[in-house]
């Protein structure tokens, strides 16, 4: 809380005029983060052709973990995200907030998968929700790596996804 108050330049009393509890404040921060991410994916889905997952996830991770990091400490910010995730195990308000955000992200990614298919970039053999869950897991894993090990570059995520996307299925005789 002290970090949040310092970053906001407000006293605890001023913050608690707007939020009844620390959990309510954290839920509001999570809502704002989901809104930013949702906006990036919605914009991508309206682009023809939409940016590929490596480019899109790279943009979102760069925005979330590089450009808008309070205090400039990417590892500390990623640790805060992981801490919020763990708080959902004991706090119903945060659990609901993250569940709604996760559901919204899955829906947005599913629309993006439809846009990939409409532009001939992806086949229809895998359900859109499966692709969405996998890409969300990739982003979550990247955030966890940043939290645990620090100094994880977004370019590594982009290169790794690009490498995986370049694979072609081969038949083994």
Protein backbone atom coordinates (compact mmCIF):
# COMPACT_ATOMS: atom_id res chain seq x y z
CA UNK A 1 0.00 0.00 0.00
CA UNK A 2 2.83 2.40 0.78
CA UNK A 3 4.18 1.98 -2.75
CA UNK A 4 0.75 2.69 -4.22
CA UNK A 5 0.27 5.76 -2.03
CA UNK A 6 3.73 7.07 -2.89
CA UNK A 7 3.18 6.52 -6.64
CA UNK A 8 -0.23 8.22 -6.50
CA UNK A 9 1.14 11.08 -4.43
CA UNK A 10 -1.78 10.76 -2.02
CA UNK A 11 -2.22 10.15 1.68
CA UNK A 12 -3.93 7.00 2.95
CA UNK A 13 -6.91 9.13 4.00
CA UNK A 14 -7.32 10.56 0.51
CA UNK A 15 -7.18 7.12 -1.10
CA UNK A 16 -9.67 5.63 1.34
CA UNK A 17 -12.19 8.33 0.46
CA UNK A 18 -12.48 6.61 -2.90
CA UNK A 19 -11.85 2.97 -1.89
CA UNK A 20 -13.22 1.20 1.19
CA UNK A 21 -10.37 -1.28 1.44
CA UNK A 22 -7.03 -2.36 0.02
CA UNK A 23 -8.83 -5.19 -1.78
CA UNK A 24 -11.21 -2.75 -3.47
CA UNK A 25 -8.25 -0.65 -4.61
CA UNK A 26 -6.45 -3.70 -5.99
CA UNK A 27 -9.63 -4.80 -7.79
CA UNK A 28 -9.87 -1.35 -9.40
CA UNK A 29 -6.24 -1.56 -10.55
CA UNK A 30 -6.91 -5.04 -11.99
CA UNK A 31 -10.01 -3.75 -13.79
CA UNK A 32 -7.98 -0.95 -15.33
CA UNK A 33 -5.24 -3.34 -16.45
CA UNK A 34 -7.80 -5.67 -18.06
CA UNK A 35 -9.41 -2.71 -19.83
CA UNK A 36 -6.04 -1.70 -21.31
CA UNK A 37 -5.30 -5.23 -22.47
CA UNK A 38 -8.81 -5.73 -23.83
CA UNK A 39 -8.51 -2.51 -25.81
CA UNK A 40 -5.27 -3.69 -27.44
CA UNK A 41 -6.84 -7.00 -28.46
CA UNK A 42 -10.06 -5.36 -29.71
CA UNK A 43 -8.01 -2.97 -31.84
CA UNK A 44 -6.04 -5.89 -33.23
CA UNK A 45 -9.21 -7.82 -34.10
CA UNK A 46 -10.43 -4.85 -36.17
CA UNK A 47 -7.20 -4.73 -38.18
CA UNK A 48 -7.07 -6.69 -41.43
CA UNK A 49 -5.05 -8.77 -41.27
CA UNK A 50 -4.69 -8.74 -37.48
CA UNK A 51 -1.17 -8.81 -36.02
CA UNK A 52 0.10 -12.30 -35.35
CA UNK A 53 0.23 -13.56 -31.73
CA UNK A 54 3.97 -12.90 -31.40
CA UNK A 55 3.52 -9.26 -32.39
CA UNK A 56 0.33 -8.74 -30.40
CA UNK A 57 1.54 -10.37 -27.17
CA UNK A 58 4.81 -8.51 -27.55
CA UNK A 59 2.94 -5.19 -27.78
CA UNK A 60 0.79 -5.96 -24.75
CA UNK A 61 3.69 -7.20 -22.60
CA UNK A 62 5.77 -4.20 -23.61
CA UNK A 63 2.93 -1.88 -22.62
CA UNK A 64 2.22 -3.65 -19.33
CA UNK A 65 5.77 -4.46 -18.23
CA UNK A 66 7.89 -1.72 -19.76
CA UNK A 67 6.00 1.43 -20.64
CA UNK A 68 3.56 1.72 -17.73
CA UNK A 69 5.54 0.25 -14.85
CA UNK A 70 5.21 2.29 -11.66
CA UNK A 71 8.68 3.28 -10.51
CA UNK A 72 10.27 1.58 -13.54
CA UNK A 73 10.98 -1.72 -11.71
CA UNK A 74 9.60 -4.41 -14.03
CA UNK A 75 10.38 -7.28 -11.71
CA UNK A 76 8.67 -5.61 -8.75
CA UNK A 77 5.62 -4.88 -10.90
CA UNK A 78 5.47 -8.48 -12.15
CA UNK A 79 5.75 -9.65 -8.53
CA UNK A 80 2.82 -7.40 -7.66
CA UNK A 81 0.77 -9.03 -10.43
CA UNK A 82 1.61 -12.50 -9.10
CA UNK A 83 0.75 -11.35 -5.59
CA UNK A 84 -2.66 -10.18 -6.80
CA UNK A 85 -3.16 -13.60 -8.41
CA UNK A 86 -2.43 -15.33 -5.09
CA UNK A 87 -4.74 -12.95 -3.21
CA UNK A 88 -7.62 -14.28 -5.30
CA UNK A 89 -7.32 -17.57 -3.42
CA UNK A 90 -8.54 -15.91 -0.23
CA UNK A 91 -10.43 -12.84 -1.41
CA UNK A 92 -13.76 -13.26 -3.16
CA UNK A 93 -13.86 -9.71 -4.59
CA UNK A 94 -10.48 -10.15 -6.26
CA UNK A 95 -11.38 -13.65 -7.41
CA UNK A 96 -14.53 -12.30 -9.06
CA UNK A 97 -12.62 -9.41 -10.65
CA UNK A 98 -9.94 -11.68 -12.08
CA UNK A 99 -12.49 -14.27 -13.20
CA UNK A 100 -14.43 -11.59 -15.09
CA UNK A 101 -11.22 -10.25 -16.60
CA UNK A 102 -10.06 -13.73 -17.62
CA UNK A 103 -13.45 -14.53 -19.17
CA UNK A 104 -13.39 -11.24 -21.07
CA UNK A 105 -9.87 -11.92 -22.31
CA UNK A 106 -10.90 -15.37 -23.55
CA UNK A 107 -13.82 -13.82 -25.46
CA UNK A 108 -11.60 -11.15 -27.02
CA UNK A 109 -8.99 -13.71 -28.04
CA UNK A 110 -11.72 -15.92 -29.51
CA UNK A 111 -12.81 -12.96 -31.68
CA UNK A 112 -9.20 -12.46 -32.68
CA UNK A 113 -8.96 -16.13 -33.66
CA UNK A 114 -12.04 -15.59 -35.83
CA UNK A 115 -10.27 -12.64 -37.46
CA UNK A 116 -7.17 -14.82 -38.07
CA UNK A 117 -9.40 -17.43 -39.70
CA UNK A 118 -11.28 -14.85 -41.79
CA UNK A 119 -7.90 -13.64 -43.10
CA UNK A 120 -6.67 -17.16 -43.87
CA UNK A 121 -4.01 -17.08 -41.16
CA UNK A 122 -5.31 -19.95 -39.03
CA UNK A 123 -7.17 -23.16 -39.66
CA UNK A 124 -10.46 -24.08 -38.02
CA UNK A 125 -9.32 -27.40 -36.56
CA UNK A 126 -8.76 -26.09 -33.00
CA UNK A 127 -11.52 -24.41 -30.96
CA UNK A 128 -10.97 -20.66 -30.60
CA UNK A 129 -11.29 -20.89 -26.81
CA UNK A 130 -8.41 -23.40 -26.69
CA UNK A 131 -6.19 -20.99 -28.61
CA UNK A 132 -7.30 -18.14 -26.33
CA UNK A 133 -6.50 -20.06 -23.14
CA UNK A 134 -3.09 -21.05 -24.48
CA UNK A 135 -2.14 -17.49 -25.40
CA UNK A 136 -3.33 -16.19 -22.02
CA UNK A 137 -1.25 -18.89 -20.33
CA UNK A 138 1.74 -17.77 -22.39
CA UNK A 139 1.32 -14.18 -21.17
CA UNK A 140 0.84 -15.34 -17.57
CA UNK A 141 3.94 -17.51 -17.79
CA UNK A 142 5.95 -14.60 -19.14
CA UNK A 143 4.81 -12.42 -16.24
CA UNK A 144 5.71 -15.20 -13.78
CA UNK A 145 9.20 -15.48 -15.32
CA UNK A 146 9.66 -11.72 -14.97
CA UNK A 147 8.53 -11.91 -11.33
CA UNK A 148 10.78 -14.83 -10.46
CA UNK A 149 13.90 -14.16 -12.50
CA UNK A 150 13.72 -10.52 -13.60
CA UNK A 151 15.22 -9.01 -16.73
CA UNK A 152 13.16 -11.14 -19.11
CA UNK A 153 13.05 -9.32 -22.42
CA UNK A 154 9.84 -9.07 -24.44
CA UNK A 155 11.87 -9.89 -27.55
CA UNK A 156 12.43 -13.39 -26.12
CA UNK A 157 8.66 -13.93 -25.96
CA UNK A 158 8.20 -12.59 -29.49
CA UNK A 159 11.04 -14.71 -30.91
CA UNK A 160 9.85 -17.85 -29.12
CA UNK A 161 6.29 -17.47 -30.34
CA UNK A 162 7.48 -16.69 -33.87
CA UNK A 163 9.59 -19.87 -33.79
CA UNK A 164 6.65 -21.97 -32.61
CA UNK A 165 4.35 -20.39 -35.18
CA UNK A 166 6.78 -21.34 -37.98
CA UNK A 167 6.52 -25.06 -37.25
CA UNK A 168 4.83 -27.22 -39.86
CA UNK A 169 3.16 -30.52 -39.18
CA UNK A 170 4.93 -33.47 -40.70
CA UNK A 171 3.66 -37.00 -41.07
CA UNK A 172 5.82 -39.71 -39.61
CA UNK A 173 5.75 -42.97 -41.57
